[in-house]
Protein backbone atom coordinates (compact mmCIF):
# COMPACT_ATOMS: atom_id res chain seq x y z
CA MET A 1 125.41 -15.87 -3.18
CA ASP A 2 126.09 -19.42 -2.01
CA ALA A 3 129.62 -19.58 -0.64
CA GLN A 4 129.66 -23.04 0.91
CA ILE A 5 132.64 -25.31 0.30
CA ALA A 6 132.08 -27.73 -2.56
CA PRO A 7 131.62 -31.33 -1.32
CA GLU A 8 134.38 -33.84 -1.97
CA PHE A 9 133.90 -36.33 -4.79
CA PRO A 10 132.48 -39.56 -3.30
CA SER A 11 134.31 -42.84 -3.74
CA SER A 12 131.29 -44.31 -5.53
CA LEU A 13 132.05 -42.31 -8.68
CA ASP A 14 133.46 -44.19 -11.63
CA TRP A 15 136.01 -41.97 -13.44
CA LEU A 16 135.65 -42.87 -17.10
CA ASN A 17 138.78 -41.23 -18.47
CA LEU A 18 141.19 -40.67 -15.55
CA THR A 19 144.11 -42.78 -14.43
CA GLU A 20 143.05 -42.28 -10.77
CA PRO A 21 140.13 -40.70 -8.90
CA LEU A 22 139.96 -36.91 -8.82
CA ARG A 23 140.05 -34.93 -5.59
CA MET A 24 138.71 -31.43 -5.03
CA ALA A 25 142.14 -30.21 -3.93
CA GLN A 26 143.42 -30.80 -7.47
CA LEU A 27 140.99 -28.17 -8.77
CA ARG A 28 142.05 -25.35 -6.42
CA GLY A 29 143.57 -22.24 -7.93
CA LYS A 30 141.29 -22.26 -10.98
CA VAL A 31 137.62 -21.69 -11.60
CA CYS A 32 135.88 -25.04 -11.93
CA ALA A 33 132.78 -25.69 -14.04
CA LEU A 34 131.26 -28.86 -12.58
CA ALA A 35 128.66 -30.02 -15.11
CA PHE A 36 125.93 -32.53 -14.29
CA VAL A 37 124.89 -34.07 -17.61
CA ASN A 38 123.21 -37.05 -19.22
CA ALA A 39 124.88 -38.74 -22.17
CA GLY A 40 121.66 -39.18 -24.12
CA SER A 41 120.32 -35.66 -23.62
CA ALA A 42 120.45 -33.21 -26.54
CA TRP A 43 120.67 -30.29 -24.11
CA SER A 44 123.53 -31.94 -22.21
CA SER A 45 125.34 -32.65 -25.45
CA GLN A 46 125.14 -28.98 -26.39
CA ARG A 47 126.34 -27.90 -22.94
CA LEU A 48 129.33 -30.26 -23.13
CA ASN A 49 130.18 -28.72 -26.48
CA ASP A 50 129.93 -25.24 -24.94
CA LEU A 51 132.21 -26.25 -22.07
CA ALA A 52 134.79 -27.67 -24.48
CA HIS A 53 134.95 -24.24 -26.16
CA LEU A 54 135.25 -22.46 -22.80
CA HIS A 55 137.93 -24.89 -21.67
CA ALA A 56 139.99 -24.02 -24.74
CA ARG A 57 139.25 -20.30 -24.43
CA HIS A 58 140.11 -19.82 -20.75
CA GLY A 59 143.11 -22.13 -20.76
CA GLU A 60 144.90 -22.15 -17.41
CA ARG A 61 142.11 -20.31 -15.59
CA LEU A 62 139.39 -22.98 -15.91
CA ASN A 63 138.92 -26.61 -14.95
CA VAL A 64 135.95 -28.46 -16.41
CA VAL A 65 134.61 -31.66 -14.84
CA ALA A 66 131.57 -33.51 -16.18
CA VAL A 67 129.46 -35.84 -14.05
CA HIS A 68 127.16 -38.20 -15.92
CA VAL A 69 123.96 -39.06 -14.07
CA PRO A 70 121.78 -41.76 -15.67
CA LYS A 71 118.11 -41.43 -16.50
CA PHE A 72 117.54 -44.79 -18.17
CA GLU A 73 118.43 -48.17 -16.72
CA HIS A 74 120.88 -48.95 -19.52
CA GLU A 75 122.77 -45.74 -18.70
CA ARG A 76 123.90 -47.21 -15.39
CA ASP A 77 126.47 -49.28 -17.31
CA PRO A 78 129.72 -47.23 -17.36
CA ARG A 79 130.93 -48.91 -20.56
CA ARG A 80 127.83 -47.83 -22.47
CA VAL A 81 128.10 -44.32 -21.07
CA ALA A 82 131.77 -44.03 -22.04
CA LYS A 83 130.92 -45.25 -25.54
CA ARG A 84 128.15 -42.68 -25.92
CA LEU A 85 130.31 -39.81 -24.66
CA ARG A 86 133.09 -40.73 -27.07
CA ARG A 87 130.86 -39.47 -29.85
CA GLN A 88 131.98 -36.03 -28.66
CA LYS A 89 135.60 -34.95 -28.32
CA ILE A 90 135.97 -34.33 -24.59
CA GLU A 91 139.33 -33.37 -23.12
CA PHE A 92 138.38 -33.03 -19.44
CA PRO A 93 137.52 -35.46 -16.62
CA ILE A 94 134.22 -37.35 -16.78
CA ALA A 95 132.72 -39.15 -13.80
CA HIS A 96 129.84 -41.62 -13.82
CA ASP A 97 127.42 -41.24 -10.88
CA PRO A 98 125.21 -44.35 -11.23
CA ASP A 99 123.42 -43.93 -7.90
CA TRP A 100 122.93 -40.13 -8.13
CA THR A 101 125.16 -39.65 -5.07
CA LEU A 102 126.97 -36.45 -6.08
CA TRP A 103 123.76 -35.18 -7.70
CA GLN A 104 122.10 -35.35 -4.27
CA HIS A 105 125.10 -33.83 -2.46
CA TYR A 106 124.75 -30.74 -4.66
CA GLY A 107 120.95 -30.72 -4.67
CA ILE A 108 120.78 -30.83 -8.47
CA GLU A 109 117.31 -30.89 -10.01
CA ALA A 110 117.77 -30.93 -13.80
CA TRP A 111 120.12 -31.80 -16.66
CA PRO A 112 122.26 -30.00 -17.57
CA THR A 113 123.32 -27.99 -14.52
CA VAL A 114 126.72 -26.32 -14.27
CA VAL A 115 127.98 -25.52 -10.76
CA LEU A 116 130.66 -22.82 -10.78
CA ILE A 117 133.29 -23.20 -8.07
CA ASP A 118 135.89 -20.52 -7.38
CA GLY A 119 139.63 -21.01 -6.95
CA GLU A 120 139.25 -21.57 -3.21
CA GLY A 121 136.73 -24.37 -3.62
CA ARG A 122 133.57 -22.40 -2.80
CA ILE A 123 130.31 -22.83 -4.69
CA ARG A 124 129.50 -19.51 -6.30
CA GLU A 125 126.73 -20.07 -8.81
CA ARG A 126 124.49 -22.59 -10.59
CA VAL A 127 123.57 -22.34 -14.25
CA VAL A 128 120.63 -24.57 -15.16
CA GLY A 129 119.77 -25.52 -18.74
CA ASP A 130 121.57 -24.96 -22.03
CA GLY A 131 121.29 -21.19 -22.23
CA PRO A 132 123.57 -19.01 -24.37
CA VAL A 133 127.24 -19.87 -23.99
CA ARG A 134 128.14 -16.18 -23.78
CA GLU A 135 126.32 -15.93 -20.44
CA LEU A 136 128.26 -18.86 -19.01
CA ASP A 137 131.45 -17.41 -20.48
CA ALA A 138 130.82 -14.08 -18.74
CA ARG A 139 130.27 -15.74 -15.37
CA VAL A 140 133.44 -17.79 -15.70
CA GLY A 141 135.34 -14.62 -16.64
CA GLU A 142 134.06 -12.77 -13.58
CA LEU A 143 135.21 -15.54 -11.24
CA ALA A 144 138.55 -15.82 -13.02
CA VAL A 145 139.33 -12.17 -12.25
CA GLY A 146 139.39 -12.97 -8.54
CA LEU A 147 141.73 -15.95 -8.77
CA VAL A 148 144.62 -16.04 -6.30
CA PRO A 149 147.75 -17.96 -7.36
CA GLN A 150 148.19 -21.21 -5.42
CA SER A 151 151.62 -22.06 -4.12
CA ARG A 152 150.75 -25.58 -3.04
CA SER A 153 151.91 -28.49 -5.14
CA VAL A 154 149.01 -30.73 -6.12
CA ARG A 155 148.89 -33.94 -8.06
CA PRO A 156 148.26 -33.25 -11.76
CA ILE A 157 145.07 -34.47 -13.42
CA GLU A 158 146.00 -37.23 -15.86
CA LEU A 159 143.54 -38.23 -18.55
CA ARG A 160 143.45 -41.86 -19.64
CA ARG A 161 143.51 -41.94 -23.41
CA SER A 162 141.04 -44.36 -24.94
CA GLY A 163 139.21 -44.28 -28.21
CA GLU A 164 137.29 -46.26 -30.74
CA PRO A 165 139.02 -48.79 -33.01
CA ALA A 166 140.12 -47.65 -36.46
CA LEU A 167 137.21 -49.06 -38.47
CA PRO A 168 135.71 -47.95 -41.80
CA LEU A 169 132.62 -46.63 -39.98
CA ARG A 170 132.48 -44.61 -36.79
CA PHE A 171 129.08 -44.30 -35.12
CA PRO A 172 126.94 -44.68 -38.26
CA VAL A 173 123.44 -43.28 -37.74
CA GLY A 174 121.23 -42.42 -40.70
CA LEU A 175 120.37 -44.92 -43.44
CA ALA A 176 118.47 -44.46 -46.70
CA LEU A 177 117.71 -46.66 -49.69
CA SER A 178 117.25 -45.68 -53.34
CA GLY A 179 117.02 -48.54 -55.80
CA ASN A 180 120.19 -50.59 -55.43
CA TYR A 181 122.00 -47.85 -53.52
CA LEU A 182 122.43 -47.69 -49.75
CA TYR A 183 123.32 -44.34 -48.19
CA VAL A 184 124.98 -44.19 -44.77
CA ALA A 185 125.55 -41.20 -42.48
CA ASP A 186 128.99 -42.04 -41.07
CA SER A 187 128.52 -39.58 -38.24
CA ASN A 188 131.91 -39.31 -36.55
CA HIS A 189 133.75 -39.45 -39.85
CA HIS A 190 131.61 -36.45 -40.85
CA ARG A 191 130.59 -37.87 -44.21
CA ILE A 192 127.82 -39.54 -46.20
CA LEU A 193 128.64 -42.76 -48.07
CA GLU A 194 126.97 -44.08 -51.19
CA CYS A 195 127.30 -47.86 -51.33
CA ASP A 196 125.98 -50.78 -53.27
CA GLN A 197 124.05 -53.32 -51.24
CA SER A 198 127.10 -55.55 -50.81
CA GLY A 199 128.85 -52.73 -48.93
CA ARG A 200 131.20 -51.46 -51.64
CA VAL A 201 131.67 -47.69 -51.29
CA LEU A 202 130.94 -45.94 -54.57
CA ARG A 203 131.20 -42.29 -53.50
CA GLN A 204 131.96 -40.26 -50.40
CA PHE A 205 130.21 -36.94 -49.83
CA GLY A 206 132.18 -34.67 -47.53
CA SER A 207 135.91 -34.36 -46.95
CA GLY A 208 135.84 -36.51 -43.80
CA GLY A 209 136.72 -33.67 -41.44
CA PRO A 210 134.23 -31.54 -39.49
CA GLY A 211 133.19 -28.28 -41.09
CA PHE A 212 130.38 -26.30 -42.66
CA ILE A 213 131.35 -25.98 -46.31
CA ASP A 214 129.19 -26.23 -49.43
CA GLY A 215 130.54 -27.24 -52.82
CA PRO A 216 131.90 -30.32 -54.61
CA MET A 217 131.59 -33.58 -52.69
CA GLU A 218 135.34 -33.94 -52.05
CA LEU A 219 135.69 -30.39 -50.65
CA ALA A 220 132.39 -29.90 -48.81
CA ALA A 221 132.14 -30.67 -45.10
CA PHE A 222 129.57 -31.88 -42.58
CA ASN A 223 129.68 -31.94 -38.79
CA ARG A 224 128.29 -35.15 -37.27
CA PRO A 225 125.52 -35.78 -39.84
CA GLN A 226 122.53 -37.67 -38.46
CA GLY A 227 119.31 -38.65 -40.25
CA ILE A 228 119.09 -38.74 -44.05
CA ALA A 229 116.28 -39.01 -46.62
CA VAL A 230 116.43 -39.52 -50.38
CA GLU A 231 113.98 -38.64 -53.15
CA ARG A 232 114.93 -39.20 -56.78
CA ASP A 233 118.32 -37.51 -57.27
CA LEU A 234 118.38 -35.49 -54.03
CA LEU A 235 119.62 -36.63 -50.63
CA TYR A 236 118.74 -34.48 -47.60
CA VAL A 237 120.91 -34.55 -44.49
CA ALA A 238 120.19 -33.47 -40.90
CA ASP A 239 123.63 -31.97 -40.24
CA GLY A 240 123.29 -31.96 -36.46
CA GLY A 241 126.68 -30.52 -35.52
CA ASN A 242 126.11 -27.56 -37.85
CA HIS A 243 122.47 -27.01 -36.78
CA ALA A 244 121.56 -27.17 -40.46
CA VAL A 245 119.80 -29.17 -43.15
CA ARG A 246 122.01 -29.91 -46.15
CA ARG A 247 121.29 -31.31 -49.61
CA ILE A 248 123.35 -33.52 -51.91
CA GLN A 249 122.76 -33.37 -55.66
CA LEU A 250 123.32 -37.04 -56.43
CA ARG A 251 123.87 -36.47 -60.16
CA THR A 252 126.83 -34.15 -59.62
CA GLY A 253 127.80 -34.79 -56.00
CA ASP A 254 127.52 -31.08 -55.16
CA ILE A 255 126.39 -30.15 -51.64
CA ASP A 256 124.47 -27.05 -50.56
CA THR A 257 122.61 -25.79 -47.50
CA VAL A 258 118.81 -25.85 -47.47
CA PHE A 259 118.76 -23.82 -44.26
CA GLY A 260 120.92 -23.41 -41.18
CA ALA A 261 123.26 -20.73 -39.91
CA GLY A 262 125.79 -22.99 -38.21
CA ARG A 263 124.60 -21.90 -34.77
CA ARG A 264 121.72 -23.05 -32.68
CA GLY A 265 118.44 -21.29 -32.09
CA THR A 266 114.73 -21.69 -32.71
CA ALA A 267 113.64 -20.80 -36.23
CA ALA A 268 110.78 -18.46 -37.03
CA ASP A 269 107.95 -19.30 -39.42
CA GLY A 270 108.28 -17.67 -42.82
CA THR A 271 109.76 -17.87 -46.30
CA VAL A 272 113.45 -18.77 -46.42
CA THR A 273 115.22 -16.21 -48.61
CA ASP A 274 118.71 -16.63 -47.12
CA ALA A 275 119.52 -20.25 -46.22
CA ARG A 276 122.42 -19.26 -43.94
CA ALA A 277 120.25 -16.82 -41.92
CA VAL A 278 117.96 -19.53 -40.48
CA VAL A 279 118.86 -20.90 -37.05
CA MET A 280 118.03 -24.47 -36.02
CA ASP A 281 118.59 -26.43 -32.81
CA GLN A 282 120.20 -29.83 -33.33
CA PRO A 283 118.24 -31.23 -36.28
CA ARG A 284 118.36 -35.00 -35.95
CA ALA A 285 116.08 -36.35 -38.66
CA VAL A 286 114.53 -35.52 -42.02
CA ALA A 287 111.66 -37.08 -44.00
CA LEU A 288 109.93 -36.31 -47.29
CA SER A 289 106.27 -36.44 -48.31
CA GLY A 290 104.08 -34.56 -50.76
CA GLY A 291 106.65 -31.97 -51.77
CA ARG A 292 107.52 -31.14 -48.18
CA LEU A 293 110.59 -31.76 -46.08
CA PHE A 294 110.00 -32.53 -42.40
CA VAL A 295 112.71 -31.92 -39.81
CA ALA A 296 112.91 -33.14 -36.21
CA SER A 297 114.99 -30.79 -34.06
CA SER A 298 115.84 -32.44 -30.75
CA GLY A 299 117.26 -29.26 -29.23
CA ASP A 300 113.94 -27.40 -29.25
CA ASN A 301 111.60 -30.42 -29.30
CA ARG A 302 109.77 -29.38 -32.46
CA ILE A 303 108.80 -30.81 -35.84
CA TRP A 304 109.30 -28.41 -38.74
CA SER A 305 107.74 -28.44 -42.19
CA TYR A 306 109.51 -26.94 -45.24
CA ASP A 307 107.71 -26.53 -48.55
CA LEU A 308 110.24 -27.42 -51.24
CA GLY A 309 108.29 -25.41 -53.81
CA ASN A 310 107.75 -22.02 -52.16
CA HIS A 311 110.50 -22.39 -49.49
CA GLU A 312 108.13 -21.73 -46.61
CA LEU A 313 109.33 -22.98 -43.22
CA ARG A 314 106.89 -23.41 -40.36
CA CYS A 315 106.59 -25.27 -37.09
CA LEU A 316 104.23 -28.17 -37.71
CA ALA A 317 104.00 -29.21 -34.05
CA GLY A 318 105.68 -28.80 -30.68
CA SER A 319 105.64 -26.22 -27.90
CA GLY A 320 109.34 -26.57 -27.12
CA ALA A 321 108.69 -28.17 -23.73
CA LEU A 322 110.33 -31.53 -23.02
CA GLU A 323 107.16 -33.57 -22.53
CA VAL A 324 105.02 -36.28 -24.11
CA GLY A 325 101.84 -34.31 -24.67
CA ASP A 326 99.20 -34.65 -27.38
CA GLY A 327 97.33 -31.79 -29.00
CA GLN A 328 97.32 -29.68 -32.11
CA GLY A 329 100.37 -27.79 -33.34
CA ALA A 330 102.03 -25.79 -30.57
CA GLU A 331 99.70 -27.33 -27.97
CA ALA A 332 101.55 -30.64 -28.31
CA ALA A 333 104.94 -31.44 -26.83
CA PHE A 334 107.77 -33.79 -27.78
CA ALA A 335 110.63 -35.24 -25.73
CA GLU A 336 113.73 -35.16 -27.94
CA PRO A 337 112.42 -36.19 -31.36
CA VAL A 338 115.28 -38.04 -33.08
CA ALA A 339 113.76 -39.90 -36.04
CA LEU A 340 110.96 -39.49 -38.58
CA ALA A 341 109.05 -41.60 -41.08
CA ALA A 342 106.49 -40.00 -43.40
CA VAL A 343 103.72 -41.44 -45.56
CA GLN A 344 100.86 -39.58 -47.23
CA GLN A 345 99.36 -37.28 -44.56
CA VAL A 346 101.16 -38.68 -41.49
CA VAL A 347 104.62 -38.19 -40.01
CA TYR A 348 105.70 -40.75 -37.41
CA VAL A 349 108.06 -39.42 -34.75
CA CYS A 350 110.46 -41.31 -32.50
CA ASP A 351 110.77 -39.51 -29.14
CA ALA A 352 114.02 -40.65 -27.49
CA ALA A 353 113.68 -39.04 -24.05
CA GLY A 354 109.99 -39.90 -23.98
CA SER A 355 110.54 -43.55 -24.96
CA ALA A 356 107.59 -42.97 -27.26
CA VAL A 357 106.35 -43.15 -30.83
CA ARG A 358 104.06 -40.34 -31.95
CA SER A 359 102.11 -39.46 -35.09
CA VAL A 360 101.51 -36.01 -36.58
CA ASN A 361 98.77 -35.23 -39.07
CA ILE A 362 100.49 -33.19 -41.77
CA ARG A 363 97.36 -31.23 -42.67
CA THR A 364 96.14 -30.33 -39.17
CA GLY A 365 99.24 -30.66 -36.97
CA GLN A 366 97.34 -32.97 -34.61
CA VAL A 367 99.73 -35.07 -32.50
CA GLN A 368 98.81 -38.46 -31.09
CA THR A 369 100.89 -40.79 -28.91
CA LEU A 370 100.87 -44.31 -30.34
CA LEU A 371 103.27 -45.86 -27.86
CA GLY A 372 104.71 -44.55 -24.60
CA GLN A 373 103.41 -43.08 -21.36
CA GLY A 374 105.81 -40.26 -20.52
CA PRO A 375 109.44 -39.20 -20.05
CA TRP A 376 109.89 -41.33 -16.91
CA GLU A 377 107.96 -44.38 -18.10
CA PHE A 378 110.19 -46.85 -19.93
CA GLY A 379 110.99 -50.55 -20.01
CA ASP A 380 111.00 -53.61 -22.25
CA ALA A 381 107.50 -55.02 -22.60
CA ASP A 382 105.59 -56.24 -25.63
CA GLY A 383 101.82 -56.38 -25.99
CA LYS A 384 99.04 -53.87 -26.39
CA ARG A 385 100.08 -50.31 -27.13
CA VAL A 386 98.67 -49.01 -23.84
CA SER A 387 100.99 -51.23 -21.79
CA ALA A 388 104.01 -51.90 -24.05
CA CYS A 389 107.27 -50.09 -23.24
CA LEU A 390 110.40 -48.92 -25.02
CA GLN A 391 113.66 -47.57 -23.61
CA GLN A 392 115.19 -44.54 -25.37
CA PRO A 393 114.43 -45.58 -28.98
CA GLN A 394 116.54 -43.94 -31.68
CA ALA A 395 114.99 -44.76 -35.05
CA VAL A 396 111.78 -45.69 -36.84
CA ALA A 397 111.07 -46.90 -40.38
CA LEU A 398 107.87 -47.74 -42.23
CA ASP A 399 107.57 -51.13 -43.87
CA PRO A 400 106.45 -50.58 -47.48
CA ASP A 401 104.99 -54.10 -47.64
CA ALA A 402 102.90 -54.18 -44.45
CA PRO A 403 101.13 -51.77 -42.07
CA ARG A 404 103.90 -51.83 -39.49
CA LEU A 405 106.51 -49.53 -38.06
CA TRP A 406 109.97 -50.86 -37.22
CA ILE A 407 111.62 -49.35 -34.13
CA ALA A 408 115.29 -49.35 -33.13
CA ASP A 409 114.85 -49.74 -29.37
CA SER A 410 118.35 -48.57 -28.56
CA GLY A 411 118.15 -48.70 -24.77
CA ASN A 412 117.15 -52.36 -24.94
CA ASP A 413 119.52 -53.18 -27.84
CA SER A 414 116.60 -54.69 -29.71
CA LEU A 415 114.42 -54.37 -32.79
CA ARG A 416 110.71 -53.84 -32.13
CA CYS A 417 107.69 -53.69 -34.38
CA LEU A 418 104.42 -51.76 -33.97
CA ARG A 419 101.51 -52.94 -36.09
CA LEU A 420 99.69 -49.81 -37.18
CA GLY A 421 95.96 -49.38 -36.84
CA GLY A 422 95.68 -50.36 -33.19
CA GLY A 423 97.92 -53.42 -33.31
CA GLU A 424 100.38 -54.74 -30.75
CA VAL A 425 104.08 -54.24 -30.13
CA THR A 426 106.36 -57.21 -30.68
CA SER A 427 110.10 -57.84 -30.43
CA PHE A 428 111.79 -59.39 -33.46
CA GLU A 429 113.88 -62.32 -32.28
CA LEU A 430 117.46 -61.73 -33.39
CA PRO A 431 120.35 -64.21 -33.24
CA ARG A 432 122.39 -61.70 -31.22
CA PRO A 433 121.86 -58.39 -29.41
CA LEU A 434 122.29 -55.08 -31.14
CA HIS A 435 124.59 -52.31 -29.89
CA GLY A 436 122.81 -48.98 -29.54
CA PRO A 437 121.07 -49.12 -32.95
CA SER A 438 120.27 -45.61 -34.23
CA GLY A 439 119.25 -45.97 -37.86
CA LEU A 440 116.83 -48.09 -39.92
CA ALA A 441 115.80 -48.51 -43.55
CA VAL A 442 113.31 -51.10 -44.87
CA ALA A 443 112.63 -52.45 -48.37
CA GLY A 444 111.95 -55.76 -50.07
CA GLY A 445 111.66 -57.83 -46.90
CA VAL A 446 114.99 -56.54 -45.59
CA VAL A 447 115.62 -54.30 -42.58
CA TRP A 448 118.92 -52.43 -42.72
CA ILE A 449 120.19 -51.52 -39.25
CA ALA A 450 122.80 -48.97 -38.22
CA ASP A 451 124.33 -50.84 -35.27
CA THR A 452 125.80 -47.58 -34.09
CA ASP A 453 127.91 -48.46 -31.07
CA ALA A 454 129.38 -51.46 -32.94
CA HIS A 455 130.35 -49.14 -35.86
CA ALA A 456 128.51 -51.43 -38.27
CA VAL A 457 125.59 -51.80 -40.64
CA LEU A 458 123.56 -55.02 -40.51
CA ARG A 459 121.13 -56.64 -42.96
CA LEU A 460 118.15 -58.55 -41.54
CA GLU A 461 116.12 -60.90 -43.74
CA THR A 462 112.71 -60.69 -42.07
CA ALA A 463 111.38 -63.93 -43.59
CA THR A 464 114.20 -66.11 -42.23
CA GLY A 465 115.60 -64.04 -39.35
CA ASP A 466 119.11 -64.18 -40.85
CA LEU A 467 121.24 -61.24 -39.67
CA HIS A 468 124.40 -60.38 -41.63
CA HIS A 469 127.16 -57.82 -41.27
CA VAL A 470 127.47 -55.57 -44.32
CA PRO A 471 131.21 -54.99 -44.90
CA ILE A 472 131.02 -51.32 -45.83
CA GLY A 473 134.39 -50.07 -46.99
CA GLU A 474 136.16 -53.20 -45.82
């Protein structure tokens, strides 16, 4: 057991939510869970959620401190990191380590890693990955038993309260179009909005508070809904916070669960007989084609196929490893799939951590990388597919009027376009930068953009380049 004294926090850290820098002495007398995380990582997001539960459970026996360490260049900006982390409700100190200084002091090798420190400031254990929370809970409990009351008076830890402005939308993500209707996943308001194309809200699905409740639209509840897809009078929702796929009956407004138990796990292939018995791991996107529903789960790096007729669920592709690897079915690997677009026999996949765009043959499960070179290869370059680069893209959408795929290149705050069939990657020249765009929908020469970090939806006229704010709910 490693019993060395935990290193002091370096002065290079930027404390995102404290009134003054934290010192190790302020953590003495309690167990401390020091978590090294990345704001854009699905696994880190889950671990932060776990730690929030443990923080509430263990009360006065546990300190939690998160240290964000960037992977992408845009994640070196503390303002962007703070914005991303505010998508989760975090009530403990968060530091930003832009130069990986504390990461190196502790010899960390992977996100997320939780270093457990006892009440006397000694490193006792490391927990790597996003394993079951009960295991981390047990280890915290064991260390808490040995706590010795501290008589010294230390400076209290004071959080700096800051939040997002009170706007009609809060971190909108998924977008879908059906005729003259625009549907918006208003993620941090835990609801789906039905709007006309001028932005007037016609109906709200979900009570507006987090929960996992089926039923009438005003009583049902979502938890941070993400991607959405509509077909005729049914709207499907990747309900990420509930690890479930939900369905809205647009004629009545009633909401039910297609599958998802409300807890994370990797599903098994087979016929779904009990929707609430199926575990999923952070479903982020849904798409429809040929009577099948496709689901991208970023927590287990897999693409799932669900037959809407016989209710058969199976893994279409993905080994579970966090990689950009081609192959057939389980031989292939994805790196945090977060968005899907389906047409005929192909599903296009946006790999956020891989900065890549992939294609999956629906019939064979064959995966091919169209754009991107690997999890650590990213940038902002147009040109041929073999040399063009993205940076942590968050959404894709097929253009119904041309053989091209629109890409929300979130890390570069830009809109990109991939011409299908061996074409090049280009950047669409916009009159102003985007702000972490994470949702797209395309129809009739218009690209609808969820400008997520600006809490807005934008309308782009592709023929003229005009970009307008859509005043949803205003």
